[in-house]
Amino acid sequence: MSLWIWLLIACALAYAWKLVGYFVPARLLEDPRMSRVAGTMTIGLLASLTVVNTLATGQSLAVDARLGALVAAAVALALRAPFLVVVLAGAGTAALLRMLGWN
């Protein structure tokens, strides 16, 4: 099969999954437990995406300036810094580490 067929199949499955959401009963969605589960899943998915993008290069693990940037951003978040400061701390740390040769 060509790549385009697989892409069309993936699109059809994603659309079908979205349509299935319309058939979920409203009483189930109004349950407070469902809101907690949905919120927790979102946080977990975002955290795993962040870790994978920080530590993976292709099919291998990499420890480079991205890890230092993530640590700096986490420290800024722990200190309750504004979002812009968190982003600047991460970017500045990555730039500094790369300048020092830690690629």
PDB file of N, CA and C in Angstrom:
ATOM      1  N   MET A   1       0.843  -1.188   0.000  1.00  0.00           N
ATOM      2  CA  MET A   1       0.000   0.000   0.000  1.00  0.00           C
ATOM      3  C   MET A   1       0.886   1.248   0.000  1.00  0.00           C
ATOM      4  N   SER A   2       0.393   2.263  -0.641  1.00  0.00           N
ATOM      5  CA  SER A   2       1.171   3.491  -0.694  1.00  0.00           C
ATOM      6  C   SER A   2       0.926   4.320   0.568  1.00  0.00           C
ATOM      7  N   LEU A   3       1.772   5.292   0.735  1.00  0.00           N
ATOM      8  CA  LEU A   3       1.662   6.173   1.894  1.00  0.00           C
ATOM      9  C   LEU A   3       0.337   6.925   1.904  1.00  0.00           C
ATOM     10  N   TRP A   4      -0.146   7.291   0.725  1.00  0.00           N
ATOM     11  CA  TRP A   4      -1.397   8.052   0.655  1.00  0.00           C
ATOM     12  C   TRP A   4      -2.585   7.219   1.135  1.00  0.00           C
ATOM     13  N   ILE A   5      -2.573   5.948   0.871  1.00  0.00           N
ATOM     14  CA  ILE A   5      -3.682   5.104   1.342  1.00  0.00           C
ATOM     15  C   ILE A   5      -3.661   5.032   2.868  1.00  0.00           C
ATOM     16  N   TRP A   6      -2.470   4.862   3.434  1.00  0.00           N
ATOM     17  CA  TRP A   6      -2.369   4.821   4.886  1.00  0.00           C
ATOM     18  C   TRP A   6      -2.796   6.159   5.495  1.00  0.00           C
ATOM     19  N   LEU A   7      -2.441   7.241   4.837  1.00  0.00           N
ATOM     20  CA  LEU A   7      -2.837   8.561   5.328  1.00  0.00           C
ATOM     21  C   LEU A   7      -4.352   8.720   5.288  1.00  0.00           C
ATOM     22  N   LEU A   8      -4.987   8.286   4.219  1.00  0.00           N
ATOM     23  CA  LEU A   8      -6.447   8.359   4.121  1.00  0.00           C
ATOM     24  C   LEU A   8      -7.126   7.463   5.155  1.00  0.00           C
ATOM     25  N   ILE A   9      -6.561   6.297   5.403  1.00  0.00           N
ATOM     26  CA  ILE A   9      -7.115   5.407   6.435  1.00  0.00           C
ATOM     27  C   ILE A   9      -7.009   6.071   7.807  1.00  0.00           C
ATOM     28  N   ALA A  10      -5.868   6.676   8.100  1.00  0.00           N
ATOM     29  CA  ALA A  10      -5.686   7.351   9.384  1.00  0.00           C
ATOM     30  C   ALA A  10      -6.665   8.510   9.534  1.00  0.00           C
ATOM     31  N   CYS A  11      -6.878   9.260   8.468  1.00  0.00           N
ATOM     32  CA  CYS A  11      -7.838  10.368   8.510  1.00  0.00           C
ATOM     33  C   CYS A  11      -9.257   9.862   8.758  1.00  0.00           C
ATOM     34  N   ALA A  12      -9.623   8.777   8.071  1.00  0.00           N
ATOM     35  CA  ALA A  12     -10.965   8.214   8.254  1.00  0.00           C
ATOM     36  C   ALA A  12     -11.152   7.706   9.680  1.00  0.00           C
ATOM     37  N   LEU A  13     -10.120   7.062  10.236  1.00  0.00           N
ATOM     38  CA  LEU A  13     -10.226   6.570  11.621  1.00  0.00           C
ATOM     39  C   LEU A  13     -10.326   7.729  12.615  1.00  0.00           C
ATOM     40  N   ALA A  14      -9.558   8.781  12.398  1.00  0.00           N
ATOM     41  CA  ALA A  14      -9.631   9.939  13.298  1.00  0.00           C
ATOM     42  C   ALA A  14     -11.012  10.581  13.234  1.00  0.00           C
ATOM     43  N   TYR A  15     -11.565  10.699  12.040  1.00  0.00           N
ATOM     44  CA  TYR A  15     -12.897  11.277  11.891  1.00  0.00           C
ATOM     45  C   TYR A  15     -13.959  10.378  12.520  1.00  0.00           C
ATOM     46  N   ALA A  16     -13.816   9.068  12.345  1.00  0.00           N
ATOM     47  CA  ALA A  16     -14.766   8.129  12.950  1.00  0.00           C
ATOM     48  C   ALA A  16     -14.705   8.207  14.468  1.00  0.00           C
ATOM     49  N   TRP A  17     -13.500   8.352  15.020  1.00  0.00           N
ATOM     50  CA  TRP A  17     -13.351   8.466  16.467  1.00  0.00           C
ATOM     51  C   TRP A  17     -14.041   9.732  16.972  1.00  0.00           C
ATOM     52  N   LYS A  18     -13.930  10.822  16.213  1.00  0.00           N
ATOM     53  CA  LYS A  18     -14.598  12.068  16.579  1.00  0.00           C
ATOM     54  C   LYS A  18     -16.117  11.889  16.539  1.00  0.00           C
ATOM     55  N   LEU A  19     -16.615  11.176  15.541  1.00  0.00           N
ATOM     56  CA  LEU A  19     -18.057  10.937  15.450  1.00  0.00           C
ATOM     57  C   LEU A  19     -18.566  10.082  16.604  1.00  0.00           C
ATOM     58  N   VAL A  20     -17.765   9.133  17.055  1.00  0.00           N
ATOM     59  CA  VAL A  20     -18.167   8.289  18.185  1.00  0.00           C
ATOM     60  C   VAL A  20     -18.421   9.155  19.423  1.00  0.00           C
ATOM     61  N   GLY A  21     -17.684  10.244  19.558  1.00  0.00           N
ATOM     62  CA  GLY A  21     -17.866  11.133  20.700  1.00  0.00           C
ATOM     63  C   GLY A  21     -19.252  11.735  20.778  1.00  0.00           C
ATOM     64  N   TYR A  22     -19.916  11.892  19.642  1.00  0.00           N
ATOM     65  CA  TYR A  22     -21.272  12.449  19.642  1.00  0.00           C
ATOM     66  C   TYR A  22     -22.297  11.464  20.186  1.00  0.00           C
ATOM     67  N   PHE A  23     -21.963  10.194  20.224  1.00  0.00           N
ATOM     68  CA  PHE A  23     -22.897   9.180  20.706  1.00  0.00           C
ATOM     69  C   PHE A  23     -22.747   8.887  22.197  1.00  0.00           C
ATOM     70  N   VAL A  24     -21.803   9.548  22.864  1.00  0.00           N
ATOM     71  CA  VAL A  24     -21.630   9.367  24.310  1.00  0.00           C
ATOM     72  C   VAL A  24     -22.780  10.081  25.010  1.00  0.00           C
ATOM     73  N   PRO A  25     -23.484   9.406  25.925  1.00  0.00           N
ATOM     74  CA  PRO A  25     -24.612  10.035  26.616  1.00  0.00           C
ATOM     75  C   PRO A  25     -24.173  11.269  27.418  1.00  0.00           C
ATOM     76  N   ALA A  26     -25.016  12.283  27.428  1.00  0.00           N
ATOM     77  CA  ALA A  26     -24.703  13.540  28.113  1.00  0.00           C
ATOM     78  C   ALA A  26     -24.532  13.320  29.618  1.00  0.00           C
ATOM     79  N   ARG A  27     -25.290  12.420  30.206  1.00  0.00           N
ATOM     80  CA  ARG A  27     -25.179  12.185  31.653  1.00  0.00           C
ATOM     81  C   ARG A  27     -23.796  11.674  32.027  1.00  0.00           C
ATOM     82  N   LEU A  28     -23.169  10.936  31.114  1.00  0.00           N
ATOM     83  CA  LEU A  28     -21.824  10.431  31.361  1.00  0.00           C
ATOM     84  C   LEU A  28     -20.804  11.575  31.346  1.00  0.00           C
ATOM     85  N   LEU A  29     -21.001  12.529  30.452  1.00  0.00           N
ATOM     86  CA  LEU A  29     -20.081  13.652  30.348  1.00  0.00           C
ATOM     87  C   LEU A  29     -20.232  14.652  31.496  1.00  0.00           C
ATOM     88  N   GLU A  30     -21.410  14.688  32.114  1.00  0.00           N
ATOM     89  CA  GLU A  30     -21.656  15.613  33.215  1.00  0.00           C
ATOM     90  C   GLU A  30     -21.119  15.103  34.544  1.00  0.00           C
ATOM     91  N   ASP A  31     -20.706  13.861  34.591  1.00  0.00           N
ATOM     92  CA  ASP A  31     -20.168  13.263  35.812  1.00  0.00           C
ATOM     93  C   ASP A  31     -18.833  13.930  36.176  1.00  0.00           C
ATOM     94  N   PRO A  32     -18.685  14.403  37.426  1.00  0.00           N
ATOM     95  CA  PRO A  32     -17.434  15.072  37.812  1.00  0.00           C
ATOM     96  C   PRO A  32     -16.206  14.171  37.691  1.00  0.00           C
ATOM     97  N   ARG A  33     -16.385  12.876  37.863  1.00  0.00           N
ATOM     98  CA  ARG A  33     -15.250  11.962  37.719  1.00  0.00           C
ATOM     99  C   ARG A  33     -14.706  11.980  36.296  1.00  0.00           C
ATOM    100  N   MET A  34     -15.600  12.100  35.323  1.00  0.00           N
ATOM    101  CA  MET A  34     -15.172  12.140  33.920  1.00  0.00           C
ATOM    102  C   MET A  34     -14.327  13.385  33.653  1.00  0.00           C
ATOM    103  N   SER A  35     -14.690  14.504  34.255  1.00  0.00           N
ATOM    104  CA  SER A  35     -13.902  15.729  34.085  1.00  0.00           C
ATOM    105  C   SER A  35     -12.514  15.570  34.688  1.00  0.00           C
ATOM    106  N   ARG A  36     -12.439  14.927  35.859  1.00  0.00           N
ATOM    107  CA  ARG A  36     -11.137  14.703  36.489  1.00  0.00           C
ATOM    108  C   ARG A  36     -10.275  13.777  35.643  1.00  0.00           C
ATOM    109  N   VAL A  37     -10.879  12.713  35.116  1.00  0.00           N
ATOM    110  CA  VAL A  37     -10.125  11.766  34.282  1.00  0.00           C
ATOM    111  C   VAL A  37      -9.624  12.460  33.021  1.00  0.00           C
ATOM    112  N   ALA A  38     -10.487  13.238  32.380  1.00  0.00           N
ATOM    113  CA  ALA A  38     -10.089  13.933  31.150  1.00  0.00           C
ATOM    114  C   ALA A  38      -8.964  14.927  31.439  1.00  0.00           C
ATOM    115  N   GLY A  39      -9.056  15.652  32.540  1.00  0.00           N
ATOM    116  CA  GLY A  39      -8.006  16.603  32.894  1.00  0.00           C
ATOM    117  C   GLY A  39      -6.695  15.918  33.215  1.00  0.00           C
ATOM    118  N   THR A  40      -6.768  14.809  33.921  1.00  0.00           N
ATOM    119  CA  THR A  40      -5.557  14.060  34.273  1.00  0.00           C
ATOM    120  C   THR A  40      -4.910  13.454  33.036  1.00  0.00           C
ATOM    121  N   MET A  41      -5.704  12.931  32.123  1.00  0.00           N
ATOM    122  CA  MET A  41      -5.147  12.365  30.896  1.00  0.00           C
ATOM    123  C   MET A  41      -4.453  13.430  30.063  1.00  0.00           C
ATOM    124  N   THR A  42      -5.024  14.626  30.015  1.00  0.00           N
ATOM    125  CA  THR A  42      -4.410  15.709  29.256  1.00  0.00           C
ATOM    126  C   THR A  42      -3.047  16.065  29.829  1.00  0.00           C
ATOM    127  N   ILE A  43      -2.969  16.157  31.137  1.00  0.00           N
ATOM    128  CA  ILE A  43      -1.693  16.479  31.792  1.00  0.00           C
ATOM    129  C   ILE A  43      -0.671  15.374  31.546  1.00  0.00           C
ATOM    130  N   GLY A  44      -1.094  14.132  31.662  1.00  0.00           N
ATOM    131  CA  GLY A  44      -0.187  13.003  31.429  1.00  0.00           C
ATOM    132  C   GLY A  44       0.331  12.949  30.001  1.00  0.00           C
ATOM    133  N   LEU A  45      -0.551  13.183  29.031  1.00  0.00           N
ATOM    134  CA  LEU A  45      -0.126  13.173  27.632  1.00  0.00           C
ATOM    135  C   LEU A  45       0.839  14.309  27.329  1.00  0.00           C
ATOM    136  N   LEU A  46       0.572  15.497  27.877  1.00  0.00           N
ATOM    137  CA  LEU A  46       1.460  16.630  27.651  1.00  0.00           C
ATOM    138  C   LEU A  46       2.820  16.394  28.304  1.00  0.00           C
ATOM    139  N   ALA A  47       2.819  15.826  29.505  1.00  0.00           N
ATOM    140  CA  ALA A  47       4.089  15.532  30.184  1.00  0.00           C
ATOM    141  C   ALA A  47       4.896  14.492  29.413  1.00  0.00           C
ATOM    142  N   SER A  48       4.243  13.453  28.923  1.00  0.00           N
ATOM    143  CA  SER A  48       4.979  12.426  28.177  1.00  0.00           C
ATOM    144  C   SER A  48       5.503  12.974  26.860  1.00  0.00           C
ATOM    145  N   LEU A  49       4.743  13.824  26.201  1.00  0.00           N
ATOM    146  CA  LEU A  49       5.212  14.442  24.966  1.00  0.00           C
ATOM    147  C   LEU A  49       6.430  15.320  25.223  1.00  0.00           C
ATOM    148  N   THR A  50       6.419  16.054  26.326  1.00  0.00           N
ATOM    149  CA  THR A  50       7.551  16.906  26.682  1.00  0.00           C
ATOM    150  C   THR A  50       8.796  16.070  26.945  1.00  0.00           C
ATOM    151  N   VAL A  51       8.654  14.990  27.678  1.00  0.00           N
ATOM    152  CA  VAL A  51       9.805  14.138  27.996  1.00  0.00           C
ATOM    153  C   VAL A  51      10.362  13.481  26.734  1.00  0.00           C
ATOM    154  N   VAL A  52       9.484  12.988  25.876  1.00  0.00           N
ATOM    155  CA  VAL A  52       9.952  12.343  24.647  1.00  0.00           C
ATOM    156  C   VAL A  52      10.684  13.344  23.765  1.00  0.00           C
ATOM    157  N   ASN A  53      10.143  14.550  23.625  1.00  0.00           N
ATOM    158  CA  ASN A  53      10.804  15.557  22.792  1.00  0.00           C
ATOM    159  C   ASN A  53      12.100  16.059  23.407  1.00  0.00           C
ATOM    160  N   THR A  54      12.239  15.936  24.711  1.00  0.00           N
ATOM    161  CA  THR A  54      13.462  16.388  25.370  1.00  0.00           C
ATOM    162  C   THR A  54      14.558  15.337  25.311  1.00  0.00           C
ATOM    163  N   LEU A  55      14.218  14.091  25.490  1.00  0.00           N
ATOM    164  CA  LEU A  55      15.231  13.048  25.653  1.00  0.00           C
ATOM    165  C   LEU A  55      15.426  12.138  24.451  1.00  0.00           C
ATOM    166  N   ALA A  56      14.650  12.297  23.401  1.00  0.00           N
ATOM    167  CA  ALA A  56      14.765  11.376  22.271  1.00  0.00           C
ATOM    168  C   ALA A  56      15.275  12.089  21.036  1.00  0.00           C
ATOM    169  N   THR A  57      16.153  11.396  20.348  1.00  0.00           N
ATOM    170  CA  THR A  57      16.614  11.830  19.035  1.00  0.00           C
ATOM    171  C   THR A  57      16.523  10.616  18.127  1.00  0.00           C
ATOM    172  N   GLY A  58      15.539  10.621  17.259  1.00  0.00           N
ATOM    173  CA  GLY A  58      15.308   9.442  16.418  1.00  0.00           C
ATOM    174  C   GLY A  58      14.863   8.282  17.283  1.00  0.00           C
ATOM    175  N   GLN A  59      15.657   7.209  17.289  1.00  0.00           N
ATOM    176  CA  GLN A  59      15.318   6.028  18.063  1.00  0.00           C
ATOM    177  C   GLN A  59      16.222   5.848  19.268  1.00  0.00           C
ATOM    178  N   SER A  60      16.981   6.874  19.606  1.00  0.00           N
ATOM    179  CA  SER A  60      17.904   6.758  20.737  1.00  0.00           C
ATOM    180  C   SER A  60      17.680   7.877  21.742  1.00  0.00           C
ATOM    181  N   LEU A  61      18.191   7.650  22.935  1.00  0.00           N
ATOM    182  CA  LEU A  61      18.111   8.673  23.973  1.00  0.00           C
ATOM    183  C   LEU A  61      19.260   9.652  23.816  1.00  0.00           C
ATOM    184  N   ALA A  62      18.983  10.904  24.129  1.00  0.00           N
ATOM    185  CA  ALA A  62      20.016  11.932  24.006  1.00  0.00           C
ATOM    186  C   ALA A  62      19.953  12.845  25.218  1.00  0.00           C
ATOM    187  N   VAL A  63      21.103  13.084  25.804  1.00  0.00           N
ATOM    188  CA  VAL A  63      21.190  14.042  26.909  1.00  0.00           C
ATOM    189  C   VAL A  63      21.980  15.226  26.365  1.00  0.00           C
ATOM    190  N   ASP A  64      21.266  16.311  26.100  1.00  0.00           N
ATOM    191  CA  ASP A  64      21.909  17.480  25.543  1.00  0.00           C
ATOM    192  C   ASP A  64      21.320  18.741  26.162  1.00  0.00           C
ATOM    193  N   ALA A  65      21.450  19.851  25.488  1.00  0.00           N
ATOM    194  CA  ALA A  65      21.023  21.137  26.033  1.00  0.00           C
ATOM    195  C   ALA A  65      19.514  21.193  26.277  1.00  0.00           C
ATOM    196  N   ARG A  66      18.749  20.369  25.586  1.00  0.00           N
ATOM    197  CA  ARG A  66      17.298  20.356  25.807  1.00  0.00           C
ATOM    198  C   ARG A  66      16.955  19.943  27.231  1.00  0.00           C
ATOM    199  N   LEU A  67      17.729  19.005  27.773  1.00  0.00           N
ATOM    200  CA  LEU A  67      17.481  18.564  29.147  1.00  0.00           C
ATOM    201  C   LEU A  67      17.754  19.698  30.131  1.00  0.00           C
ATOM    202  N   GLY A  68      18.837  20.420  29.926  1.00  0.00           N
ATOM    203  CA  GLY A  68      19.138  21.569  30.778  1.00  0.00           C
ATOM    204  C   GLY A  68      18.064  22.642  30.676  1.00  0.00           C
ATOM    205  N   ALA A  69      17.546  22.864  29.468  1.00  0.00           N
ATOM    206  CA  ALA A  69      16.477  23.841  29.274  1.00  0.00           C
ATOM    207  C   ALA A  69      15.212  23.418  30.010  1.00  0.00           C
ATOM    208  N   LEU A  70      14.906  22.129  29.972  1.00  0.00           N
ATOM    209  CA  LEU A  70      13.722  21.633  30.673  1.00  0.00           C
ATOM    210  C   LEU A  70      13.874  21.786  32.178  1.00  0.00           C
ATOM    211  N   VAL A  71      15.061  21.499  32.693  1.00  0.00           N
ATOM    212  CA  VAL A  71      15.302  21.652  34.132  1.00  0.00           C
ATOM    213  C   VAL A  71      15.175  23.121  34.538  1.00  0.00           C
ATOM    214  N   ALA A  72      15.742  24.022  33.742  1.00  0.00           N
ATOM    215  CA  ALA A  72      15.653  25.449  34.053  1.00  0.00           C
ATOM    216  C   ALA A  72      14.203  25.927  34.025  1.00  0.00           C
ATOM    217  N   ALA A  73      13.447  25.463  33.039  1.00  0.00           N
ATOM    218  CA  ALA A  73      12.034  25.844  32.968  1.00  0.00           C
ATOM    219  C   ALA A  73      11.251  25.267  34.146  1.00  0.00           C
ATOM    220  N   ALA A  74      11.570  24.043  34.559  1.00  0.00           N
ATOM    221  CA  ALA A  74      10.889  23.436  35.703  1.00  0.00           C
ATOM    222  C   ALA A  74      11.187  24.206  36.988  1.00  0.00           C
ATOM    223  N   VAL A  75      12.425  24.649  37.151  1.00  0.00           N
ATOM    224  CA  VAL A  75      12.785  25.444  38.334  1.00  0.00           C
ATOM    225  C   VAL A  75      12.023  26.766  38.313  1.00  0.00           C
ATOM    226  N   ALA A  76      11.942  27.398  37.151  1.00  0.00           N
ATOM    227  CA  ALA A  76      11.198  28.659  37.045  1.00  0.00           C
ATOM    228  C   ALA A  76       9.718  28.441  37.352  1.00  0.00           C
ATOM    229  N   LEU A  77       9.180  27.327  36.890  1.00  0.00           N
ATOM    230  CA  LEU A  77       7.778  27.018  37.208  1.00  0.00           C
ATOM    231  C   LEU A  77       7.588  26.774  38.700  1.00  0.00           C
ATOM    232  N   ALA A  78       8.542  26.082  39.312  1.00  0.00           N
ATOM    233  CA  ALA A  78       8.445  25.810  40.751  1.00  0.00           C
ATOM    234  C   ALA A  78       8.499  27.105  41.558  1.00  0.00           C
ATOM    235  N   LEU A  79       9.204  28.087  41.031  1.00  0.00           N
ATOM    236  CA  LEU A  79       9.278  29.391  41.705  1.00  0.00           C
ATOM    237  C   LEU A  79       8.114  30.301  41.331  1.00  0.00           C
ATOM    238  N   ARG A  80       7.153  29.754  40.580  1.00  0.00           N
ATOM    239  CA  ARG A  80       5.940  30.453  40.161  1.00  0.00           C
ATOM    240  C   ARG A  80       6.236  31.692  39.317  1.00  0.00           C
ATOM    241  N   ALA A  81       7.184  31.542  38.418  1.00  0.00           N
ATOM    242  CA  ALA A  81       7.517  32.632  37.502  1.00  0.00           C
ATOM    243  C   ALA A  81       6.436  32.735  36.425  1.00  0.00           C
ATOM    244  N   PRO A  82       6.252  33.915  35.859  1.00  0.00           N
ATOM    245  CA  PRO A  82       5.302  34.056  34.741  1.00  0.00           C
ATOM    246  C   PRO A  82       5.743  33.215  33.543  1.00  0.00           C
ATOM    247  N   PHE A  83       4.791  32.899  32.688  1.00  0.00           N
ATOM    248  CA  PHE A  83       5.062  32.010  31.559  1.00  0.00           C
ATOM    249  C   PHE A  83       6.191  32.520  30.675  1.00  0.00           C
ATOM    250  N   LEU A  84       6.207  33.796  30.387  1.00  0.00           N
ATOM    251  CA  LEU A  84       7.260  34.346  29.537  1.00  0.00           C
ATOM    252  C   LEU A  84       8.636  34.158  30.169  1.00  0.00           C
ATOM    253  N   VAL A  85       8.723  34.301  31.480  1.00  0.00           N
ATOM    254  CA  VAL A  85       9.996  34.093  32.180  1.00  0.00           C
ATOM    255  C   VAL A  85      10.411  32.620  32.097  1.00  0.00           C
ATOM    256  N   VAL A  86       9.454  31.718  32.192  1.00  0.00           N
ATOM    257  CA  VAL A  86       9.741  30.284  32.086  1.00  0.00           C
ATOM    258  C   VAL A  86      10.311  29.971  30.708  1.00  0.00           C
ATOM    259  N   VAL A  87       9.686  30.501  29.674  1.00  0.00           N
ATOM    260  CA  VAL A  87      10.154  30.266  28.305  1.00  0.00           C
ATOM    261  C   VAL A  87      11.542  30.862  28.109  1.00  0.00           C
ATOM    262  N   LEU A  88      11.751  32.083  28.580  1.00  0.00           N
ATOM    263  CA  LEU A  88      13.058  32.726  28.438  1.00  0.00           C
ATOM    264  C   LEU A  88      14.138  31.996  29.234  1.00  0.00           C
ATOM    265  N   ALA A  89      13.795  31.483  30.396  1.00  0.00           N
ATOM    266  CA  ALA A  89      14.771  30.729  31.191  1.00  0.00           C
ATOM    267  C   ALA A  89      15.185  29.460  30.456  1.00  0.00           C
ATOM    268  N   GLY A  90      14.228  28.754  29.896  1.00  0.00           N
ATOM    269  CA  GLY A  90      14.552  27.543  29.140  1.00  0.00           C
ATOM    270  C   GLY A  90      15.370  27.843  27.900  1.00  0.00           C
ATOM    271  N   ALA A  91      14.951  28.841  27.145  1.00  0.00           N
ATOM    272  CA  ALA A  91      15.671  29.190  25.916  1.00  0.00           C
ATOM    273  C   ALA A  91      17.073  29.702  26.227  1.00  0.00           C
ATOM    274  N   GLY A  92      17.183  30.541  27.242  1.00  0.00           N
ATOM    275  CA  GLY A  92      18.497  31.069  27.613  1.00  0.00           C
ATOM    276  C   GLY A  92      19.439  29.982  28.096  1.00  0.00           C
ATOM    277  N   THR A  93      18.916  29.052  28.867  1.00  0.00           N
ATOM    278  CA  THR A  93      19.743  27.945  29.355  1.00  0.00           C
ATOM    279  C   THR A  93      20.207  27.066  28.208  1.00  0.00           C
ATOM    280  N   ALA A  94      19.304  26.773  27.265  1.00  0.00           N
ATOM    281  CA  ALA A  94      19.693  25.961  26.107  1.00  0.00           C
ATOM    282  C   ALA A  94      20.761  26.673  25.287  1.00  0.00           C
ATOM    283  N   ALA A  95      20.593  27.973  25.083  1.00  0.00           N
ATOM    284  CA  ALA A  95      21.585  28.728  24.317  1.00  0.00           C
ATOM    285  C   ALA A  95      22.937  28.736  25.029  1.00  0.00           C
ATOM    286  N   LEU A  96      22.921  28.945  26.335  1.00  0.00           N
ATOM    287  CA  LEU A  96      24.160  28.972  27.103  1.00  0.00           C
ATOM    288  C   LEU A  96      24.862  27.612  27.073  1.00  0.00           C
ATOM    289  N   LEU A  97      24.102  26.547  27.254  1.00  0.00           N
ATOM    290  CA  LEU A  97      24.697  25.210  27.231  1.00  0.00           C
ATOM    291  C   LEU A  97      25.261  24.861  25.853  1.00  0.00           C
ATOM    292  N   ARG A  98      24.558  25.276  24.798  1.00  0.00           N
ATOM    293  CA  ARG A  98      25.079  25.007  23.457  1.00  0.00           C
ATOM    294  C   ARG A  98      26.319  25.842  23.172  1.00  0.00           C
ATOM    295  N   MET A  99      26.344  27.061  23.704  1.00  0.00           N
ATOM    296  CA  MET A  99      27.527  27.906  23.539  1.00  0.00           C
ATOM    297  C   MET A  99      28.741  27.289  24.255  1.00  0.00           C
ATOM    298  N   LEU A 100      28.468  26.622  25.368  1.00  0.00           N
ATOM    299  CA  LEU A 100      29.542  25.970  26.117  1.00  0.00           C
ATOM    300  C   LEU A 100      29.935  24.623  25.508  1.00  0.00           C
ATOM    301  N   GLY A 101      29.215  24.207  24.475  1.00  0.00           N
ATOM    302  CA  GLY A 101      29.593  22.989  23.767  1.00  0.00           C
ATOM    303  C   GLY A 101      28.820  21.742  24.144  1.00  0.00           C
ATOM    304  N   TRP A 102      27.747  21.889  24.921  1.00  0.00           N
ATOM    305  CA  TRP A 102      26.962  20.723  25.313  1.00  0.00           C
ATOM    306  C   TRP A 102      25.805  20.563  24.326  1.00  0.00           C
ATOM    307  N   ASN A 103      26.063  19.901  23.212  1.00  0.00           N
ATOM    308  CA  ASN A 103      25.037  19.735  22.176  1.00  0.00           C
ATOM    309  C   ASN A 103      24.337  18.454  22.430  1.00  0.00           C
TER     310      ASN A 103
END
